[in-house]
Amino acid sequence: MAKKSKIAKFQRQQALIAKYAPLRAELKAKGDYDALRQLPRDANPNRLKNRDLLDGRPRAYMRQFGMSRINFRQYAHLGQIPGVRKASW
């Protein structure tokens, strides 16, 4: 489990990215890089570090499922992830 402050920061960054996305797209289309520079740094999606949606773990994140490998394994064994089953050959 990640620190609550890190999870809160991740959520704040996601909200900021969503808020400034249309403005960023407009400024990039115009080529107005001075105005882009005036936007908050955390409004840039490249600064966002993906985290597990369940417990906030930053490492071993699986983008397709939105969770870390640890939670993925746990929920896959329980059969709670649709379309995923243990391989056997």
PDB file of N, CA and C in Angstrom:
ATOM      1  N   MET A   1       0.839  -1.174   0.000  1.00  0.00           N
ATOM      2  CA  MET A   1       0.000   0.000   0.000  1.00  0.00           C
ATOM      3  C   MET A   1       0.888   1.242   0.000  1.00  0.00           C
ATOM      4  N   ALA A   2       0.631   2.124  -0.942  1.00  0.00           N
ATOM      5  CA  ALA A   2       1.404   3.354  -1.034  1.00  0.00           C
ATOM      6  C   ALA A   2       0.935   4.353   0.028  1.00  0.00           C
ATOM      7  N   LYS A   3       1.772   5.355   0.271  1.00  0.00           N
ATOM      8  CA  LYS A   3       1.383   6.409   1.199  1.00  0.00           C
ATOM      9  C   LYS A   3       0.151   7.130   0.663  1.00  0.00           C
ATOM     10  N   LYS A   4      -0.705   7.555   1.564  1.00  0.00           N
ATOM     11  CA  LYS A   4      -1.938   8.228   1.153  1.00  0.00           C
ATOM     12  C   LYS A   4      -1.635   9.542   0.445  1.00  0.00           C
ATOM     13  N   SER A   5      -0.539  10.183   0.818  1.00  0.00           N
ATOM     14  CA  SER A   5      -0.179  11.444   0.174  1.00  0.00           C
ATOM     15  C   SER A   5       0.207  11.219  -1.289  1.00  0.00           C
ATOM     16  N   LYS A   6       0.869  10.094  -1.572  1.00  0.00           N
ATOM     17  CA  LYS A   6       1.249   9.790  -2.956  1.00  0.00           C
ATOM     18  C   LYS A   6       0.025   9.480  -3.804  1.00  0.00           C
ATOM     19  N   ILE A   7      -0.933   8.761  -3.218  1.00  0.00           N
ATOM     20  CA  ILE A   7      -2.174   8.444  -3.937  1.00  0.00           C
ATOM     21  C   ILE A   7      -2.956   9.729  -4.200  1.00  0.00           C
ATOM     22  N   ALA A   8      -2.989  10.629  -3.220  1.00  0.00           N
ATOM     23  CA  ALA A   8      -3.688  11.904  -3.375  1.00  0.00           C
ATOM     24  C   ALA A   8      -3.016  12.758  -4.452  1.00  0.00           C
ATOM     25  N   LYS A   9      -1.689  12.758  -4.476  1.00  0.00           N
ATOM     26  CA  LYS A   9      -0.951  13.523  -5.496  1.00  0.00           C
ATOM     27  C   LYS A   9      -1.255  12.984  -6.878  1.00  0.00           C
ATOM     28  N   PHE A  10      -1.318  11.665  -7.020  1.00  0.00           N
ATOM     29  CA  PHE A  10      -1.639  11.031  -8.294  1.00  0.00           C
ATOM     30  C   PHE A  10      -3.025  11.468  -8.766  1.00  0.00           C
ATOM     31  N   GLN A  11      -3.992  11.498  -7.863  1.00  0.00           N
ATOM     32  CA  GLN A  11      -5.346  11.908  -8.223  1.00  0.00           C
ATOM     33  C   GLN A  11      -5.406  13.389  -8.585  1.00  0.00           C
ATOM     34  N   ARG A  12      -4.656  14.222  -7.863  1.00  0.00           N
ATOM     35  CA  ARG A  12      -4.603  15.652  -8.194  1.00  0.00           C
ATOM     36  C   ARG A  12      -4.016  15.865  -9.580  1.00  0.00           C
ATOM     37  N   GLN A  13      -2.937  15.120  -9.885  1.00  0.00           N
ATOM     38  CA  GLN A  13      -2.307  15.257 -11.190  1.00  0.00           C
ATOM     39  C   GLN A  13      -3.264  14.837 -12.304  1.00  0.00           C
ATOM     40  N   GLN A  14      -4.003  13.748 -12.090  1.00  0.00           N
ATOM     41  CA  GLN A  14      -4.962  13.304 -13.104  1.00  0.00           C
ATOM     42  C   GLN A  14      -6.025  14.369 -13.352  1.00  0.00           C
ATOM     43  N   ALA A  15      -6.509  15.004 -12.296  1.00  0.00           N
ATOM     44  CA  ALA A  15      -7.515  16.051 -12.438  1.00  0.00           C
ATOM     45  C   ALA A  15      -6.943  17.255 -13.185  1.00  0.00           C
ATOM     46  N   LEU A  16      -5.705  17.621 -12.886  1.00  0.00           N
ATOM     47  CA  LEU A  16      -5.060  18.757 -13.542  1.00  0.00           C
ATOM     48  C   LEU A  16      -4.837  18.473 -15.021  1.00  0.00           C
ATOM     49  N   ILE A  17      -4.434  17.271 -15.349  1.00  0.00           N
ATOM     50  CA  ILE A  17      -4.225  16.889 -16.747  1.00  0.00           C
ATOM     51  C   ILE A  17      -5.538  16.968 -17.513  1.00  0.00           C
ATOM     52  N   ALA A  18      -6.614  16.453 -16.911  1.00  0.00           N
ATOM     53  CA  ALA A  18      -7.924  16.491 -17.566  1.00  0.00           C
ATOM     54  C   ALA A  18      -8.408  17.928 -17.753  1.00  0.00           C
ATOM     55  N   LYS A  19      -8.143  18.781 -16.762  1.00  0.00           N
ATOM     56  CA  LYS A  19      -8.592  20.167 -16.817  1.00  0.00           C
ATOM     57  C   LYS A  19      -7.913  20.940 -17.950  1.00  0.00           C
ATOM     58  N   TYR A  20      -6.613  20.736 -18.118  1.00  0.00           N
ATOM     59  CA  TYR A  20      -5.845  21.519 -19.089  1.00  0.00           C
ATOM     60  C   TYR A  20      -5.678  20.823 -20.439  1.00  0.00           C
ATOM     61  N   ALA A  21      -6.207  19.634 -20.629  1.00  0.00           N
ATOM     62  CA  ALA A  21      -6.009  18.896 -21.886  1.00  0.00           C
ATOM     63  C   ALA A  21      -6.503  19.665 -23.113  1.00  0.00           C
ATOM     64  N   PRO A  22      -7.741  20.213 -23.118  1.00  0.00           N
ATOM     65  CA  PRO A  22      -8.180  20.939 -24.321  1.00  0.00           C
ATOM     66  C   PRO A  22      -7.325  22.176 -24.603  1.00  0.00           C
ATOM     67  N   LEU A  23      -6.953  22.909 -23.557  1.00  0.00           N
ATOM     68  CA  LEU A  23      -6.129  24.102 -23.736  1.00  0.00           C
ATOM     69  C   LEU A  23      -4.747  23.735 -24.260  1.00  0.00           C
ATOM     70  N   ARG A  24      -4.166  22.658 -23.713  1.00  0.00           N
ATOM     71  CA  ARG A  24      -2.850  22.207 -24.181  1.00  0.00           C
ATOM     72  C   ARG A  24      -2.904  21.825 -25.663  1.00  0.00           C
ATOM     73  N   ALA A  25      -3.954  21.112 -26.053  1.00  0.00           N
ATOM     74  CA  ALA A  25      -4.091  20.695 -27.462  1.00  0.00           C
ATOM     75  C   ALA A  25      -4.217  21.916 -28.380  1.00  0.00           C
ATOM     76  N   GLU A  26      -4.981  22.900 -27.935  1.00  0.00           N
ATOM     77  CA  GLU A  26      -5.161  24.112 -28.728  1.00  0.00           C
ATOM     78  C   GLU A  26      -3.846  24.878 -28.876  1.00  0.00           C
ATOM     79  N   LEU A  27      -3.122  25.032 -27.769  1.00  0.00           N
ATOM     80  CA  LEU A  27      -1.858  25.777 -27.804  1.00  0.00           C
ATOM     81  C   LEU A  27      -0.809  25.043 -28.635  1.00  0.00           C
ATOM     82  N   LYS A  28      -0.800  23.705 -28.550  1.00  0.00           N
ATOM     83  CA  LYS A  28       0.160  22.943 -29.348  1.00  0.00           C
ATOM     84  C   LYS A  28      -0.154  23.052 -30.831  1.00  0.00           C
ATOM     85  N   ALA A  29      -1.444  23.079 -31.177  1.00  0.00           N
ATOM     86  CA  ALA A  29      -1.836  23.213 -32.583  1.00  0.00           C
ATOM     87  C   ALA A  29      -1.416  24.573 -33.137  1.00  0.00           C
ATOM     88  N   LYS A  30      -1.535  25.608 -32.300  1.00  0.00           N
ATOM     89  CA  LYS A  30      -1.109  26.954 -32.717  1.00  0.00           C
ATOM     90  C   LYS A  30       0.404  27.076 -32.764  1.00  0.00           C
ATOM     91  N   GLY A  31       1.090  26.274 -31.971  1.00  0.00           N
ATOM     92  CA  GLY A  31       2.542  26.391 -31.873  1.00  0.00           C
ATOM     93  C   GLY A  31       2.961  27.457 -30.873  1.00  0.00           C
ATOM     94  N   ASP A  32       2.085  27.799 -29.958  1.00  0.00           N
ATOM     95  CA  ASP A  32       2.355  28.837 -28.958  1.00  0.00           C
ATOM     96  C   ASP A  32       3.045  28.207 -27.738  1.00  0.00           C
ATOM     97  N   TYR A  33       4.340  28.025 -27.842  1.00  0.00           N
ATOM     98  CA  TYR A  33       5.079  27.340 -26.793  1.00  0.00           C
ATOM     99  C   TYR A  33       5.321  28.221 -25.571  1.00  0.00           C
ATOM    100  N   ASP A  34       5.275  29.541 -25.752  1.00  0.00           N
ATOM    101  CA  ASP A  34       5.409  30.431 -24.593  1.00  0.00           C
ATOM    102  C   ASP A  34       4.202  30.295 -23.673  1.00  0.00           C
ATOM    103  N   ALA A  35       3.019  30.201 -24.246  1.00  0.00           N
ATOM    104  CA  ALA A  35       1.812  30.032 -23.434  1.00  0.00           C
ATOM    105  C   ALA A  35       1.795  28.645 -22.797  1.00  0.00           C
ATOM    106  N   LEU A  36       2.295  27.653 -23.513  1.00  0.00           N
ATOM    107  CA  LEU A  36       2.375  26.296 -22.949  1.00  0.00           C
ATOM    108  C   LEU A  36       3.279  26.282 -21.732  1.00  0.00           C
ATOM    109  N   ARG A  37       4.336  27.049 -21.793  1.00  0.00           N
ATOM    110  CA  ARG A  37       5.293  27.101 -20.699  1.00  0.00           C
ATOM    111  C   ARG A  37       4.682  27.717 -19.446  1.00  0.00           C
ATOM    112  N   GLN A  38       3.636  28.550 -19.623  1.00  0.00           N
ATOM    113  CA  GLN A  38       2.998  29.210 -18.478  1.00  0.00           C
ATOM    114  C   GLN A  38       2.035  28.295 -17.727  1.00  0.00           C
ATOM    115  N   LEU A  39       1.660  27.162 -18.339  1.00  0.00           N
ATOM    116  CA  LEU A  39       0.738  26.234 -17.685  1.00  0.00           C
ATOM    117  C   LEU A  39       1.448  25.530 -16.526  1.00  0.00           C
ATOM    118  N   PRO A  40       0.687  24.996 -15.574  1.00  0.00           N
ATOM    119  CA  PRO A  40       1.315  24.265 -14.465  1.00  0.00           C
ATOM    120  C   PRO A  40       2.092  23.055 -14.980  1.00  0.00           C
ATOM    121  N   ARG A  41       3.189  22.739 -14.334  1.00  0.00           N
ATOM    122  CA  ARG A  41       4.017  21.622 -14.774  1.00  0.00           C
ATOM    123  C   ARG A  41       3.274  20.294 -14.731  1.00  0.00           C
ATOM    124  N   ASP A  42       2.475  20.114 -13.686  1.00  0.00           N
ATOM    125  CA  ASP A  42       1.770  18.846 -13.542  1.00  0.00           C
ATOM    126  C   ASP A  42       0.613  18.698 -14.521  1.00  0.00           C
ATOM    127  N   ALA A  43       0.352  19.708 -15.343  1.00  0.00           N
ATOM    128  CA  ALA A  43      -0.667  19.594 -16.376  1.00  0.00           C
ATOM    129  C   ALA A  43      -0.143  18.814 -17.578  1.00  0.00           C
ATOM    130  N   ASN A  44       1.151  18.537 -17.594  1.00  0.00           N
ATOM    131  CA  ASN A  44       1.757  17.768 -18.678  1.00  0.00           C
ATOM    132  C   ASN A  44       1.592  16.275 -18.388  1.00  0.00           C
ATOM    133  N   PRO A  45       0.956  15.514 -19.284  1.00  0.00           N
ATOM    134  CA  PRO A  45       0.738  14.093 -19.014  1.00  0.00           C
ATOM    135  C   PRO A  45       2.022  13.272 -18.924  1.00  0.00           C
ATOM    136  N   ASN A  46       3.115  13.792 -19.449  1.00  0.00           N
ATOM    137  CA  ASN A  46       4.374  13.047 -19.378  1.00  0.00           C
ATOM    138  C   ASN A  46       4.920  12.965 -17.954  1.00  0.00           C
ATOM    139  N   ARG A  47       4.492  13.861 -17.098  1.00  0.00           N
ATOM    140  CA  ARG A  47       4.980  13.864 -15.715  1.00  0.00           C
ATOM    141  C   ARG A  47       4.235  12.885 -14.820  1.00  0.00           C
ATOM    142  N   LEU A  48       3.138  12.325 -15.315  1.00  0.00           N
ATOM    143  CA  LEU A  48       2.320  11.422 -14.509  1.00  0.00           C
ATOM    144  C   LEU A  48       2.975  10.049 -14.426  1.00  0.00           C
ATOM    145  N   LYS A  49       3.148   9.559 -13.211  1.00  0.00           N
ATOM    146  CA  LYS A  49       3.671   8.219 -12.974  1.00  0.00           C
ATOM    147  C   LYS A  49       2.490   7.311 -12.721  1.00  0.00           C
ATOM    148  N   ASN A  50       2.282   6.320 -13.582  1.00  0.00           N
ATOM    149  CA  ASN A  50       1.139   5.423 -13.428  1.00  0.00           C
ATOM    150  C   ASN A  50       1.232   4.649 -12.127  1.00  0.00           C
ATOM    151  N   ARG A  51       0.078   4.494 -11.467  1.00  0.00           N
ATOM    152  CA  ARG A  51       0.008   3.786 -10.199  1.00  0.00           C
ATOM    153  C   ARG A  51      -1.142   2.803 -10.234  1.00  0.00           C
ATOM    154  N   ASP A  52      -1.009   1.754  -9.425  1.00  0.00           N
ATOM    155  CA  ASP A  52      -2.063   0.767  -9.263  1.00  0.00           C
ATOM    156  C   ASP A  52      -3.321   1.466  -8.757  1.00  0.00           C
ATOM    157  N   LEU A  53      -4.456   1.216  -9.402  1.00  0.00           N
ATOM    158  CA  LEU A  53      -5.700   1.869  -9.008  1.00  0.00           C
ATOM    159  C   LEU A  53      -6.237   1.338  -7.686  1.00  0.00           C
ATOM    160  N   LEU A  54      -5.801   0.141  -7.277  1.00  0.00           N
ATOM    161  CA  LEU A  54      -6.316  -0.461  -6.054  1.00  0.00           C
ATOM    162  C   LEU A  54      -5.539  -0.040  -4.812  1.00  0.00           C
ATOM    163  N   ASP A  55      -4.209  -0.073  -4.891  1.00  0.00           N
ATOM    164  CA  ASP A  55      -3.436   0.250  -3.685  1.00  0.00           C
ATOM    165  C   ASP A  55      -2.345   1.300  -3.904  1.00  0.00           C
ATOM    166  N   GLY A  56      -2.200   1.833  -5.119  1.00  0.00           N
ATOM    167  CA  GLY A  56      -1.275   2.931  -5.359  1.00  0.00           C
ATOM    168  C   GLY A  56       0.164   2.535  -5.617  1.00  0.00           C
ATOM    169  N   ARG A  57       0.448   1.244  -5.779  1.00  0.00           N
ATOM    170  CA  ARG A  57       1.823   0.798  -6.012  1.00  0.00           C
ATOM    171  C   ARG A  57       2.335   1.355  -7.345  1.00  0.00           C
ATOM    172  N   PRO A  58       3.520   1.998  -7.348  1.00  0.00           N
ATOM    173  CA  PRO A  58       4.022   2.612  -8.575  1.00  0.00           C
ATOM    174  C   PRO A  58       4.822   1.664  -9.479  1.00  0.00           C
ATOM    175  N   ARG A  59       5.335   0.586  -8.911  1.00  0.00           N
ATOM    176  CA  ARG A  59       6.188  -0.297  -9.710  1.00  0.00           C
ATOM    177  C   ARG A  59       5.397  -1.474 -10.266  1.00  0.00           C
ATOM    178  N   ALA A  60       5.914  -2.045 -11.340  1.00  0.00           N
ATOM    179  CA  ALA A  60       5.329  -3.231 -11.978  1.00  0.00           C
ATOM    180  C   ALA A  60       3.878  -2.975 -12.359  1.00  0.00           C
ATOM    181  N   TYR A  61       3.592  -1.800 -12.918  1.00  0.00           N
ATOM    182  CA  TYR A  61       2.242  -1.420 -13.323  1.00  0.00           C
ATOM    183  C   TYR A  61       1.929  -2.046 -14.673  1.00  0.00           C
ATOM    184  N   MET A  62       0.771  -2.679 -14.775  1.00  0.00           N
ATOM    185  CA  MET A  62       0.310  -3.280 -16.031  1.00  0.00           C
ATOM    186  C   MET A  62      -0.768  -2.369 -16.612  1.00  0.00           C
ATOM    187  N   ARG A  63      -0.435  -1.640 -17.669  1.00  0.00           N
ATOM    188  CA  ARG A  63      -1.313  -0.622 -18.231  1.00  0.00           C
ATOM    189  C   ARG A  63      -2.647  -1.200 -18.707  1.00  0.00           C
ATOM    190  N   GLN A  64      -2.610  -2.388 -19.287  1.00  0.00           N
ATOM    191  CA  GLN A  64      -3.820  -2.996 -19.829  1.00  0.00           C
ATOM    192  C   GLN A  64      -4.872  -3.256 -18.755  1.00  0.00           C
ATOM    193  N   PHE A  65      -4.428  -3.521 -17.537  1.00  0.00           N
ATOM    194  CA  PHE A  65      -5.354  -3.861 -16.465  1.00  0.00           C
ATOM    195  C   PHE A  65      -5.457  -2.771 -15.399  1.00  0.00           C
ATOM    196  N   GLY A  66      -4.549  -1.801 -15.392  1.00  0.00           N
ATOM    197  CA  GLY A  66      -4.601  -0.707 -14.432  1.00  0.00           C
ATOM    198  C   GLY A  66      -4.208  -1.114 -13.031  1.00  0.00           C
ATOM    199  N   MET A  67      -3.391  -2.164 -12.924  1.00  0.00           N
ATOM    200  CA  MET A  67      -2.977  -2.626 -11.597  1.00  0.00           C
ATOM    201  C   MET A  67      -1.567  -3.176 -11.659  1.00  0.00           C
ATOM    202  N   SER A  68      -0.996  -3.374 -10.480  1.00  0.00           N
ATOM    203  CA  SER A  68       0.354  -3.905 -10.401  1.00  0.00           C
ATOM    204  C   SER A  68       0.327  -5.421 -10.574  1.00  0.00           C
ATOM    205  N   ARG A  69       1.484  -5.998 -10.771  1.00  0.00           N
ATOM    206  CA  ARG A  69       1.580  -7.440 -10.999  1.00  0.00           C
ATOM    207  C   ARG A  69       1.089  -8.233  -9.799  1.00  0.00           C
ATOM    208  N   ILE A  70       1.276  -7.683  -8.609  1.00  0.00           N
ATOM    209  CA  ILE A  70       0.878  -8.389  -7.394  1.00  0.00           C
ATOM    210  C   ILE A  70      -0.641  -8.503  -7.321  1.00  0.00           C
ATOM    211  N   ASN A  71      -1.325  -7.387  -7.498  1.00  0.00           N
ATOM    212  CA  ASN A  71      -2.793  -7.426  -7.483  1.00  0.00           C
ATOM    213  C   ASN A  71      -3.334  -8.183  -8.683  1.00  0.00           C
ATOM    214  N   PHE A  72      -2.666  -8.074  -9.830  1.00  0.00           N
ATOM    215  CA  PHE A  72      -3.109  -8.819 -11.005  1.00  0.00           C
ATOM    216  C   PHE A  72      -3.097 -10.317 -10.718  1.00  0.00           C
ATOM    217  N   ARG A  73      -2.023 -10.795 -10.133  1.00  0.00           N
ATOM    218  CA  ARG A  73      -1.908 -12.228  -9.832  1.00  0.00           C
ATOM    219  C   ARG A  73      -2.975 -12.655  -8.832  1.00  0.00           C
ATOM    220  N   GLN A  74      -3.170 -11.852  -7.819  1.00  0.00           N
ATOM    221  CA  GLN A  74      -4.156 -12.176  -6.785  1.00  0.00           C
ATOM    222  C   GLN A  74      -5.567 -12.268  -7.381  1.00  0.00           C
ATOM    223  N   TYR A  75      -5.973 -11.277  -8.162  1.00  0.00           N
ATOM    224  CA  TYR A  75      -7.322 -11.262  -8.721  1.00  0.00           C
ATOM    225  C   TYR A  75      -7.480 -12.272  -9.860  1.00  0.00           C
ATOM    226  N   ALA A  76      -6.402 -12.556 -10.573  1.00  0.00           N
ATOM    227  CA  ALA A  76      -6.484 -13.567 -11.634  1.00  0.00           C
ATOM    228  C   ALA A  76      -6.699 -14.948 -11.030  1.00  0.00           C
ATOM    229  N   HIS A  77      -6.023 -15.248  -9.941  1.00  0.00           N
ATOM    230  CA  HIS A  77      -6.208 -16.539  -9.274  1.00  0.00           C
ATOM    231  C   HIS A  77      -7.632 -16.692  -8.734  1.00  0.00           C
ATOM    232  N   LEU A  78      -8.226 -15.586  -8.309  1.00  0.00           N
ATOM    233  CA  LEU A  78      -9.597 -15.632  -7.814  1.00  0.00           C
ATOM    234  C   LEU A  78     -10.627 -15.657  -8.943  1.00  0.00           C
ATOM    235  N   GLY A  79     -10.142 -15.425 -10.192  1.00  0.00           N
ATOM    236  CA  GLY A  79     -11.042 -15.427 -11.340  1.00  0.00           C
ATOM    237  C   GLY A  79     -11.845 -14.152 -11.471  1.00  0.00           C
ATOM    238  N   GLN A  80     -11.346 -13.045 -10.953  1.00  0.00           N
ATOM    239  CA  GLN A  80     -12.080 -11.787 -10.952  1.00  0.00           C
ATOM    240  C   GLN A  80     -11.671 -10.848 -12.075  1.00  0.00           C
ATOM    241  N   ILE A  81     -10.764 -11.292 -12.958  1.00  0.00           N
ATOM    242  CA  ILE A  81     -10.390 -10.481 -14.111  1.00  0.00           C
ATOM    243  C   ILE A  81     -10.948 -11.195 -15.345  1.00  0.00           C
ATOM    244  N   PRO A  82     -11.898 -10.580 -16.047  1.00  0.00           N
ATOM    245  CA  PRO A  82     -12.516 -11.235 -17.197  1.00  0.00           C
ATOM    246  C   PRO A  82     -11.505 -11.545 -18.295  1.00  0.00           C
ATOM    247  N   GLY A  83     -11.572 -12.750 -18.833  1.00  0.00           N
ATOM    248  CA  GLY A  83     -10.728 -13.140 -19.957  1.00  0.00           C
ATOM    249  C   GLY A  83      -9.339 -13.602 -19.571  1.00  0.00           C
ATOM    250  N   VAL A  84      -9.024 -13.694 -18.307  1.00  0.00           N
ATOM    251  CA  VAL A  84      -7.689 -14.101 -17.868  1.00  0.00           C
ATOM    252  C   VAL A  84      -7.795 -15.414 -17.114  1.00  0.00           C
ATOM    253  N   ARG A  85      -7.003 -16.394 -17.539  1.00  0.00           N
ATOM    254  CA  ARG A  85      -6.923 -17.627 -16.786  1.00  0.00           C
ATOM    255  C   ARG A  85      -5.492 -18.136 -16.764  1.00  0.00           C
ATOM    256  N   LYS A  86      -5.236 -19.004 -15.847  1.00  0.00           N
ATOM    257  CA  LYS A  86      -3.892 -19.543 -15.674  1.00  0.00           C
ATOM    258  C   LYS A  86      -3.532 -20.417 -16.875  1.00  0.00           C
ATOM    259  N   ALA A  87      -2.334 -20.216 -17.364  1.00  0.00           N
ATOM    260  CA  ALA A  87      -1.906 -20.992 -18.528  1.00  0.00           C
ATOM    261  C   ALA A  87      -1.516 -22.410 -18.118  1.00  0.00           C
ATOM    262  N   SER A  88      -1.848 -23.342 -18.977  1.00  0.00           N
ATOM    263  CA  SER A  88      -1.399 -24.724 -18.769  1.00  0.00           C
ATOM    264  C   SER A  88      -1.191 -25.350 -20.137  1.00  0.00           C
ATOM    265  N   TRP A  89      -0.108 -26.078 -20.289  1.00  0.00           N
ATOM    266  CA  TRP A  89       0.180 -26.730 -21.562  1.00  0.00           C
ATOM    267  C   TRP A  89       0.904 -28.014 -21.355  1.00  0.00           C
TER     268      TRP A  89
END
